């Protein structure tokens, strides 16, 4: 039993302590026809074409399994064109270009996260309520030792009781804990939806107008492990297609 308890304690600790993931910082590298522009302390890249201007700007958060950056596209031509996540592809360490993560995929993942979070909150609330329902009740066995005529004896008596004040206090505490649990869940869901809305969606940009948003991309596990082992940065090319134009922005993912 002792070994089992020790195993369960170790397992709980392992589950409660997430593995430390390798972190990277995104550093943009200007090429021909591009310039660096500082915006709120961050170095953005502006790429100038004949029919479009693309501004790409990293964000302050570190890159782990996924990276994010902002783009702003201006139509400098005479014809409208569409721009969305489907117009952004990424090449890591010379590998083939792969698409950015779509808005639909991000929305699906957020819905799944909210579903499991709701299940966890409900189970937590049920546990709090069950504990409160059992509060106030007490029972046990009392042992009385005696001696009559030189003969020792033990007397066993069972008892039970109910403390209404203790029960009420436990129920009030459970109610408060459940309210805090669901308030936290609502706040997390609101934050998830707000972040989702920041992501770029397909938009038609008319001449002289601009549009942009957040782009999300995956960094494969093999790429992250290889960079960590070698201690070298990951070379990245972000390719943004605007109508018939292609804008390549070079960058480095450097260990943070």
C-alpha atoms as a PDB file:
ATOM      1  CA  UNK A   1       0.000   0.000   0.000  1.00  0.00           C
ATOM      2  CA  UNK A   2       2.845   2.381   0.833  1.00  0.00           C
ATOM      3  CA  UNK A   3       4.459   1.810  -2.566  1.00  0.00           C
ATOM      4  CA  UNK A   4       1.143   2.361  -4.326  1.00  0.00           C
ATOM      5  CA  UNK A   5       0.559   5.628  -2.455  1.00  0.00           C
ATOM      6  CA  UNK A   6       4.084   6.754  -3.328  1.00  0.00           C
ATOM      7  CA  UNK A   7       3.497   5.873  -6.980  1.00  0.00           C
ATOM      8  CA  UNK A   8       0.209   7.780  -7.101  1.00  0.00           C
ATOM      9  CA  UNK A   9       1.814  10.816  -5.473  1.00  0.00           C
ATOM     10  CA  UNK A  10       4.661  10.762  -7.991  1.00  0.00           C
ATOM     11  CA  UNK A  11       2.205  10.349 -10.873  1.00  0.00           C
ATOM     12  CA  UNK A  12       0.117  13.285  -9.655  1.00  0.00           C
ATOM     13  CA  UNK A  13       3.231  15.438  -9.426  1.00  0.00           C
ATOM     14  CA  UNK A  14       4.276  14.461 -12.946  1.00  0.00           C
ATOM     15  CA  UNK A  15       0.859  15.285 -14.358  1.00  0.00           C
ATOM     16  CA  UNK A  16       0.740  18.610 -12.536  1.00  0.00           C
ATOM     17  CA  UNK A  17       4.193  19.692 -13.752  1.00  0.00           C
ATOM     18  CA  UNK A  18       4.248  20.357 -17.519  1.00  0.00           C
ATOM     19  CA  UNK A  19       7.448  19.607 -19.408  1.00  0.00           C
ATOM     20  CA  UNK A  20       9.600  22.624 -20.138  1.00  0.00           C
ATOM     21  CA  UNK A  21       9.402  23.325 -23.872  1.00  0.00           C
ATOM     22  CA  UNK A  22      12.194  24.865 -25.906  1.00  0.00           C
ATOM     23  CA  UNK A  23      11.522  28.562 -26.489  1.00  0.00           C
ATOM     24  CA  UNK A  24      12.591  30.667 -29.465  1.00  0.00           C
ATOM     25  CA  UNK A  25      12.614  34.344 -30.353  1.00  0.00           C
ATOM     26  CA  UNK A  26      11.722  35.406 -33.897  1.00  0.00           C
ATOM     27  CA  UNK A  27      14.279  37.713 -35.505  1.00  0.00           C
ATOM     28  CA  UNK A  28      13.349  39.151 -38.930  1.00  0.00           C
ATOM     29  CA  UNK A  29      16.052  39.702 -41.546  1.00  0.00           C
ATOM     30  CA  UNK A  30      15.577  42.413 -44.216  1.00  0.00           C
ATOM     31  CA  UNK A  31      16.440  41.476 -47.817  1.00  0.00           C
ATOM     32  CA  UNK A  32      16.542  43.468 -51.058  1.00  0.00           C
ATOM     33  CA  UNK A  33      13.451  45.632 -51.571  1.00  0.00           C
ATOM     34  CA  UNK A  34      12.718  45.534 -47.850  1.00  0.00           C
ATOM     35  CA  UNK A  35      13.389  47.754 -44.873  1.00  0.00           C
ATOM     36  CA  UNK A  36      13.347  47.457 -41.092  1.00  0.00           C
ATOM     37  CA  UNK A  37      10.896  49.688 -39.239  1.00  0.00           C
ATOM     38  CA  UNK A  38      10.729  49.919 -35.457  1.00  0.00           C
ATOM     39  CA  UNK A  39       7.173  49.785 -34.077  1.00  0.00           C
ATOM     40  CA  UNK A  40       6.656  49.943 -30.294  1.00  0.00           C
ATOM     41  CA  UNK A  41      10.153  48.592 -29.695  1.00  0.00           C
ATOM     42  CA  UNK A  42       9.788  45.689 -32.153  1.00  0.00           C
ATOM     43  CA  UNK A  43      11.592  45.415 -35.480  1.00  0.00           C
ATOM     44  CA  UNK A  44       9.104  44.978 -38.313  1.00  0.00           C
ATOM     45  CA  UNK A  45       9.902  44.247 -41.953  1.00  0.00           C
ATOM     46  CA  UNK A  46       8.260  46.111 -44.801  1.00  0.00           C
ATOM     47  CA  UNK A  47       8.418  44.440 -48.203  1.00  0.00           C
ATOM     48  CA  UNK A  48       7.680  46.630 -51.239  1.00  0.00           C
ATOM     49  CA  UNK A  49       6.327  45.193 -54.476  1.00  0.00           C
ATOM     50  CA  UNK A  50       4.744  46.691 -57.573  1.00  0.00           C
ATOM     51  CA  UNK A  51       1.171  46.026 -56.480  1.00  0.00           C
ATOM     52  CA  UNK A  52       1.417  45.497 -52.715  1.00  0.00           C
ATOM     53  CA  UNK A  53       3.255  46.478 -49.569  1.00  0.00           C
ATOM     54  CA  UNK A  54       3.526  43.826 -46.846  1.00  0.00           C
ATOM     55  CA  UNK A  55       4.454  44.630 -43.258  1.00  0.00           C
ATOM     56  CA  UNK A  56       5.370  41.732 -41.012  1.00  0.00           C
ATOM     57  CA  UNK A  57       5.890  42.239 -37.289  1.00  0.00           C
ATOM     58  CA  UNK A  58       6.781  39.709 -34.584  1.00  0.00           C
ATOM     59  CA  UNK A  59       5.042  39.766 -31.230  1.00  0.00           C
ATOM     60  CA  UNK A  60       6.680  39.786 -27.814  1.00  0.00           C
ATOM     61  CA  UNK A  61       5.706  36.268 -26.775  1.00  0.00           C
ATOM     62  CA  UNK A  62       8.212  33.450 -27.218  1.00  0.00           C
ATOM     63  CA  UNK A  63       7.714  30.755 -29.856  1.00  0.00           C
ATOM     64  CA  UNK A  64       7.280  27.171 -28.633  1.00  0.00           C
ATOM     65  CA  UNK A  65       5.341  24.559 -30.560  1.00  0.00           C
ATOM     66  CA  UNK A  66       3.625  27.331 -32.457  1.00  0.00           C
ATOM     67  CA  UNK A  67       4.594  30.799 -33.487  1.00  0.00           C
ATOM     68  CA  UNK A  68       2.540  33.886 -34.224  1.00  0.00           C
ATOM     69  CA  UNK A  69       3.175  37.145 -36.030  1.00  0.00           C
ATOM     70  CA  UNK A  70       1.173  40.045 -37.396  1.00  0.00           C
ATOM     71  CA  UNK A  71       0.965  41.045 -41.021  1.00  0.00           C
ATOM     72  CA  UNK A  72      -0.542  44.103 -42.691  1.00  0.00           C
ATOM     73  CA  UNK A  73      -1.074  44.124 -46.449  1.00  0.00           C
ATOM     74  CA  UNK A  74      -1.721  47.248 -48.517  1.00  0.00           C
ATOM     75  CA  UNK A  75      -3.009  47.052 -52.078  1.00  0.00           C
ATOM     76  CA  UNK A  76      -0.793  49.422 -54.076  1.00  0.00           C
ATOM     77  CA  UNK A  77      -2.076  48.200 -57.439  1.00  0.00           C
ATOM     78  CA  UNK A  78      -5.162  48.808 -59.531  1.00  0.00           C
ATOM     79  CA  UNK A  79      -6.992  45.513 -58.947  1.00  0.00           C
ATOM     80  CA  UNK A  80      -8.479  43.983 -55.793  1.00  0.00           C
ATOM     81  CA  UNK A  81      -7.082  40.720 -54.401  1.00  0.00           C
ATOM     82  CA  UNK A  82      -7.830  38.388 -51.494  1.00  0.00           C
ATOM     83  CA  UNK A  83      -5.445  37.780 -48.610  1.00  0.00           C
ATOM     84  CA  UNK A  84      -5.836  35.308 -45.757  1.00  0.00           C
ATOM     85  CA  UNK A  85      -3.949  32.540 -43.943  1.00  0.00           C
ATOM     86  CA  UNK A  86      -4.146  30.481 -47.135  1.00  0.00           C
ATOM     87  CA  UNK A  87      -1.828  33.063 -48.753  1.00  0.00           C
ATOM     88  CA  UNK A  88       0.910  32.474 -46.165  1.00  0.00           C
ATOM     89  CA  UNK A  89       3.317  29.525 -46.287  1.00  0.00           C
ATOM     90  CA  UNK A  90       6.389  28.805 -44.187  1.00  0.00           C
ATOM     91  CA  UNK A  91       9.665  27.004 -44.850  1.00  0.00           C
ATOM     92  CA  UNK A  92      11.723  25.884 -41.836  1.00  0.00           C
ATOM     93  CA  UNK A  93      15.397  24.934 -42.203  1.00  0.00           C
ATOM     94  CA  UNK A  94      15.123  24.620 -45.969  1.00  0.00           C
ATOM     95  CA  UNK A  95      12.147  22.256 -45.885  1.00  0.00           C
ATOM     96  CA  UNK A  96       9.188  22.543 -48.254  1.00  0.00           C
ATOM     97  CA  UNK A  97       6.760  25.398 -47.747  1.00  0.00           C
ATOM     98  CA  UNK A  98       3.769  24.428 -45.615  1.00  0.00           C
ATOM     99  CA  UNK A  99       0.544  26.376 -45.051  1.00  0.00           C
ATOM    100  CA  UNK A 100      -0.108  28.529 -42.023  1.00  0.00           C
ATOM    101  CA  UNK A 101      -2.733  27.301 -39.554  1.00  0.00           C
ATOM    102  CA  UNK A 102      -6.198  28.205 -40.811  1.00  0.00           C
ATOM    103  CA  UNK A 103      -8.752  30.204 -38.848  1.00  0.00           C
ATOM    104  CA  UNK A 104     -11.166  27.264 -39.053  1.00  0.00           C
ATOM    105  CA  UNK A 105      -8.633  24.941 -37.419  1.00  0.00           C
ATOM    106  CA  UNK A 106      -7.958  27.453 -34.648  1.00  0.00           C
ATOM    107  CA  UNK A 107     -11.700  27.864 -34.043  1.00  0.00           C
ATOM    108  CA  UNK A 108     -12.130  24.071 -33.870  1.00  0.00           C
ATOM    109  CA  UNK A 109      -9.279  23.767 -31.366  1.00  0.00           C
ATOM    110  CA  UNK A 110     -10.690  26.556 -29.210  1.00  0.00           C
ATOM    111  CA  UNK A 111     -14.115  24.896 -29.160  1.00  0.00           C
ATOM    112  CA  UNK A 112     -12.525  21.592 -28.101  1.00  0.00           C
ATOM    113  CA  UNK A 113     -10.521  23.349 -25.369  1.00  0.00           C
ATOM    114  CA  UNK A 114     -13.650  25.028 -24.028  1.00  0.00           C
ATOM    115  CA  UNK A 115     -15.541  21.718 -24.010  1.00  0.00           C
ATOM    116  CA  UNK A 116     -12.890  19.936 -21.946  1.00  0.00           C
ATOM    117  CA  UNK A 117     -12.521  22.961 -19.662  1.00  0.00           C
ATOM    118  CA  UNK A 118     -16.275  22.880 -19.016  1.00  0.00           C
ATOM    119  CA  UNK A 119     -16.102  19.152 -18.183  1.00  0.00           C
ATOM    120  CA  UNK A 120     -13.256  19.803 -15.740  1.00  0.00           C
ATOM    121  CA  UNK A 121     -15.108  22.675 -14.092  1.00  0.00           C
ATOM    122  CA  UNK A 122     -18.283  20.593 -13.748  1.00  0.00           C
ATOM    123  CA  UNK A 123     -16.383  17.715 -12.131  1.00  0.00           C
ATOM    124  CA  UNK A 124     -14.685  20.149  -9.761  1.00  0.00           C
ATOM    125  CA  UNK A 125     -18.035  21.686  -8.798  1.00  0.00           C
ATOM    126  CA  UNK A 126     -19.575  18.255  -8.200  1.00  0.00           C
ATOM    127  CA  UNK A 127     -16.654  17.352  -5.937  1.00  0.00           C
ATOM    128  CA  UNK A 128     -17.042  20.571  -3.934  1.00  0.00           C
ATOM    129  CA  UNK A 129     -20.782  20.010  -3.536  1.00  0.00           C
ATOM    130  CA  UNK A 130     -20.373  16.368  -2.478  1.00  0.00           C
ATOM    131  CA  UNK A 131     -17.813  17.318   0.150  1.00  0.00           C
ATOM    132  CA  UNK A 132     -20.148  20.002   1.463  1.00  0.00           C
ATOM    133  CA  UNK A 133     -23.077  17.564   1.578  1.00  0.00           C
ATOM    134  CA  UNK A 134     -21.099  15.239   3.849  1.00  0.00           C
ATOM    135  CA  UNK A 135     -19.881  18.011   6.113  1.00  0.00           C
ATOM    136  CA  UNK A 136     -21.435  18.270   9.574  1.00  0.00           C
ATOM    137  CA  UNK A 137     -21.901  14.533   9.969  1.00  0.00           C
ATOM    138  CA  UNK A 138     -19.655  12.651  12.358  1.00  0.00           C
ATOM    139  CA  UNK A 139     -19.575   9.048  13.509  1.00  0.00           C
ATOM    140  CA  UNK A 140     -17.199   6.650  15.152  1.00  0.00           C
ATOM    141  CA  UNK A 141     -16.590   4.078  17.829  1.00  0.00           C
ATOM    142  CA  UNK A 142     -15.683   4.849  21.439  1.00  0.00           C
ATOM    143  CA  UNK A 143     -13.833   2.294  23.559  1.00  0.00           C
ATOM    144  CA  UNK A 144     -14.222   2.240  27.327  1.00  0.00           C
ATOM    145  CA  UNK A 145     -11.759   0.316  29.477  1.00  0.00           C
ATOM    146  CA  UNK A 146     -12.846  -0.964  32.916  1.00  0.00           C
ATOM    147  CA  UNK A 147     -12.160  -3.411  35.703  1.00  0.00           C
ATOM    148  CA  UNK A 148     -14.753  -5.241  37.775  1.00  0.00           C
ATOM    149  CA  UNK A 149     -13.711  -7.609  40.500  1.00  0.00           C
ATOM    150  CA  UNK A 150     -10.211  -7.785  39.114  1.00  0.00           C
ATOM    151  CA  UNK A 151     -11.464  -8.623  35.654  1.00  0.00           C
ATOM    152  CA  UNK A 152     -10.612  -6.173  32.870  1.00  0.00           C
ATOM    153  CA  UNK A 153     -13.070  -5.467  30.084  1.00  0.00           C
ATOM    154  CA  UNK A 154     -13.484  -3.285  27.002  1.00  0.00           C
ATOM    155  CA  UNK A 155     -16.776  -1.675  26.091  1.00  0.00           C
ATOM    156  CA  UNK A 156     -17.382  -0.486  22.506  1.00  0.00           C
ATOM    157  CA  UNK A 157     -19.976   2.182  21.762  1.00  0.00           C
ATOM    158  CA  UNK A 158     -20.833   3.631  18.353  1.00  0.00           C
ATOM    159  CA  UNK A 159     -21.926   7.214  18.014  1.00  0.00           C
ATOM    160  CA  UNK A 160     -23.092   9.619  15.304  1.00  0.00           C
ATOM    161  CA  UNK A 161     -23.929  13.291  15.217  1.00  0.00           C
ATOM    162  CA  UNK A 162     -24.708  16.275  13.040  1.00  0.00           C
ATOM    163  CA  UNK A 163     -23.339  19.822  13.359  1.00  0.00           C
ATOM    164  CA  UNK A 164     -25.692  22.155  11.483  1.00  0.00           C
ATOM    165  CA  UNK A 165     -23.325  25.135  11.761  1.00  0.00           C
ATOM    166  CA  UNK A 166     -20.421  23.199  10.309  1.00  0.00           C
ATOM    167  CA  UNK A 167     -22.608  21.918   7.482  1.00  0.00           C
ATOM    168  CA  UNK A 168     -23.849  25.406   6.611  1.00  0.00           C
ATOM    169  CA  UNK A 169     -20.309  26.818   6.582  1.00  0.00           C
ATOM    170  CA  UNK A 170     -19.148  23.999   4.292  1.00  0.00           C
ATOM    171  CA  UNK A 171     -22.037  24.577   1.889  1.00  0.00           C
ATOM    172  CA  UNK A 172     -21.331  28.312   1.744  1.00  0.00           C
ATOM    173  CA  UNK A 173     -17.666  27.612   1.033  1.00  0.00           C
ATOM    174  CA  UNK A 174     -18.561  25.122  -1.710  1.00  0.00           C
ATOM    175  CA  UNK A 175     -20.900  27.666  -3.280  1.00  0.00           C
ATOM    176  CA  UNK A 176     -18.147  30.293  -3.270  1.00  0.00           C
ATOM    177  CA  UNK A 177     -15.593  27.859  -4.718  1.00  0.00           C
ATOM    178  CA  UNK A 178     -17.985  26.799  -7.473  1.00  0.00           C
ATOM    179  CA  UNK A 179     -18.741  30.418  -8.363  1.00  0.00           C
ATOM    180  CA  UNK A 180     -15.018  31.200  -8.553  1.00  0.00           C
ATOM    181  CA  UNK A 181     -14.509  28.092 -10.682  1.00  0.00           C
ATOM    182  CA  UNK A 182     -17.117  29.082 -13.239  1.00  0.00           C
ATOM    183  CA  UNK A 183     -16.067  32.753 -13.207  1.00  0.00           C
ATOM    184  CA  UNK A 184     -12.523  31.633 -14.048  1.00  0.00           C
ATOM    185  CA  UNK A 185     -13.864  29.389 -16.809  1.00  0.00           C
ATOM    186  CA  UNK A 186     -15.875  32.265 -18.296  1.00  0.00           C
ATOM    187  CA  UNK A 187     -12.824  34.552 -18.213  1.00  0.00           C
ATOM    188  CA  UNK A 188     -10.652  31.931 -19.939  1.00  0.00           C
ATOM    189  CA  UNK A 189     -13.295  31.375 -22.623  1.00  0.00           C
ATOM    190  CA  UNK A 190     -13.640  35.111 -23.223  1.00  0.00           C
ATOM    191  CA  UNK A 191      -9.852  35.437 -23.560  1.00  0.00           C
ATOM    192  CA  UNK A 192      -9.751  32.501 -25.991  1.00  0.00           C
ATOM    193  CA  UNK A 193     -12.478  34.000 -28.173  1.00  0.00           C
ATOM    194  CA  UNK A 194     -10.806  37.441 -28.104  1.00  0.00           C
ATOM    195  CA  UNK A 195      -7.491  35.929 -29.214  1.00  0.00           C
ATOM    196  CA  UNK A 196      -9.262  33.965 -31.945  1.00  0.00           C
ATOM    197  CA  UNK A 197     -10.752  37.178 -33.329  1.00  0.00           C
ATOM    198  CA  UNK A 198      -7.250  38.644 -33.663  1.00  0.00           C
ATOM    199  CA  UNK A 199      -6.370  36.019 -36.279  1.00  0.00           C
ATOM    200  CA  UNK A 200      -6.460  36.977 -39.921  1.00  0.00           C
ATOM    201  CA  UNK A 201      -9.351  35.802 -42.067  1.00  0.00           C
ATOM    202  CA  UNK A 202      -9.678  35.925 -45.822  1.00  0.00           C
ATOM    203  CA  UNK A 203     -10.402  39.500 -46.884  1.00  0.00           C
ATOM    204  CA  UNK A 204     -10.706  41.264 -50.230  1.00  0.00           C
ATOM    205  CA  UNK A 205      -8.403  44.290 -50.314  1.00  0.00           C
ATOM    206  CA  UNK A 206      -9.407  46.964 -52.813  1.00  0.00           C
ATOM    207  CA  UNK A 207      -6.831  49.321 -54.375  1.00  0.00           C
ATOM    208  CA  UNK A 208      -5.531  51.806 -51.810  1.00  0.00           C
ATOM    209  CA  UNK A 209      -6.892  49.820 -48.873  1.00  0.00           C
ATOM    210  CA  UNK A 210      -5.204  47.569 -46.332  1.00  0.00           C
ATOM    211  CA  UNK A 211      -6.031  44.620 -44.096  1.00  0.00           C
ATOM    212  CA  UNK A 212      -4.174  42.333 -41.709  1.00  0.00           C
ATOM    213  CA  UNK A 213      -4.212  40.235 -38.583  1.00  0.00           C
ATOM    214  CA  UNK A 214      -2.428  37.473 -36.720  1.00  0.00           C
ATOM    215  CA  UNK A 215      -0.916  34.473 -38.508  1.00  0.00           C
ATOM    216  CA  UNK A 216      -0.208  31.208 -36.671  1.00  0.00           C
ATOM    217  CA  UNK A 217       2.283  28.568 -37.816  1.00  0.00           C
ATOM    218  CA  UNK A 218       3.514  25.238 -36.466  1.00  0.00           C
ATOM    219  CA  UNK A 219       7.134  24.450 -35.598  1.00  0.00           C
ATOM    220  CA  UNK A 220       7.525  20.646 -35.950  1.00  0.00           C
ATOM    221  CA  UNK A 221       8.891  18.715 -32.989  1.00  0.00           C
ATOM    222  CA  UNK A 222      11.812  17.345 -35.028  1.00  0.00           C
ATOM    223  CA  UNK A 223      12.839  20.864 -36.032  1.00  0.00           C
ATOM    224  CA  UNK A 224      12.719  22.122 -32.457  1.00  0.00           C
ATOM    225  CA  UNK A 225      14.662  19.132 -31.118  1.00  0.00           C
ATOM    226  CA  UNK A 226      17.273  19.419 -33.850  1.00  0.00           C
ATOM    227  CA  UNK A 227      17.828  23.117 -33.183  1.00  0.00           C
ATOM    228  CA  UNK A 228      18.082  22.536 -29.448  1.00  0.00           C
ATOM    229  CA  UNK A 229      20.579  19.707 -29.884  1.00  0.00           C
ATOM    230  CA  UNK A 230      22.752  21.617 -32.350  1.00  0.00           C
ATOM    231  CA  UNK A 231      22.432  24.916 -30.516  1.00  0.00           C
ATOM    232  CA  UNK A 232      21.809  26.710 -33.803  1.00  0.00           C
ATOM    233  CA  UNK A 233      18.966  29.002 -34.919  1.00  0.00           C
ATOM    234  CA  UNK A 234      16.215  27.779 -37.224  1.00  0.00           C
ATOM    235  CA  UNK A 235      16.188  29.498 -40.616  1.00  0.00           C
ATOM    236  CA  UNK A 236      12.687  30.501 -41.655  1.00  0.00           C
ATOM    237  CA  UNK A 237      11.166  31.945 -44.803  1.00  0.00           C
ATOM    238  CA  UNK A 238       7.655  33.366 -44.611  1.00  0.00           C
ATOM    239  CA  UNK A 239       6.088  33.581 -48.073  1.00  0.00           C
ATOM    240  CA  UNK A 240       3.120  35.943 -48.467  1.00  0.00           C
ATOM    241  CA  UNK A 241       1.298  35.864 -51.794  1.00  0.00           C
ATOM    242  CA  UNK A 242      -0.615  39.037 -52.723  1.00  0.00           C
ATOM    243  CA  UNK A 243      -2.442  38.545 -55.992  1.00  0.00           C
ATOM    244  CA  UNK A 244       0.295  37.667 -58.507  1.00  0.00           C
ATOM    245  CA  UNK A 245       3.133  38.900 -56.255  1.00  0.00           C
ATOM    246  CA  UNK A 246       5.256  36.926 -53.838  1.00  0.00           C
ATOM    247  CA  UNK A 247       6.895  38.507 -50.795  1.00  0.00           C
ATOM    248  CA  UNK A 248       9.495  36.391 -48.998  1.00  0.00           C
ATOM    249  CA  UNK A 249      10.460  37.497 -45.487  1.00  0.00           C
ATOM    250  CA  UNK A 250      13.533  35.786 -44.028  1.00  0.00           C
ATOM    251  CA  UNK A 251      13.892  35.240 -40.288  1.00  0.00           C
ATOM    252  CA  UNK A 252      15.663  33.268 -37.589  1.00  0.00           C
ATOM    253  CA  UNK A 253      14.134  31.399 -34.677  1.00  0.00           C
ATOM    254  CA  UNK A 254      16.833  31.697 -32.033  1.00  0.00           C
ATOM    255  CA  UNK A 255      16.840  29.854 -28.714  1.00  0.00           C
ATOM    256  CA  UNK A 256      15.632  32.094 -25.884  1.00  0.00           C
END
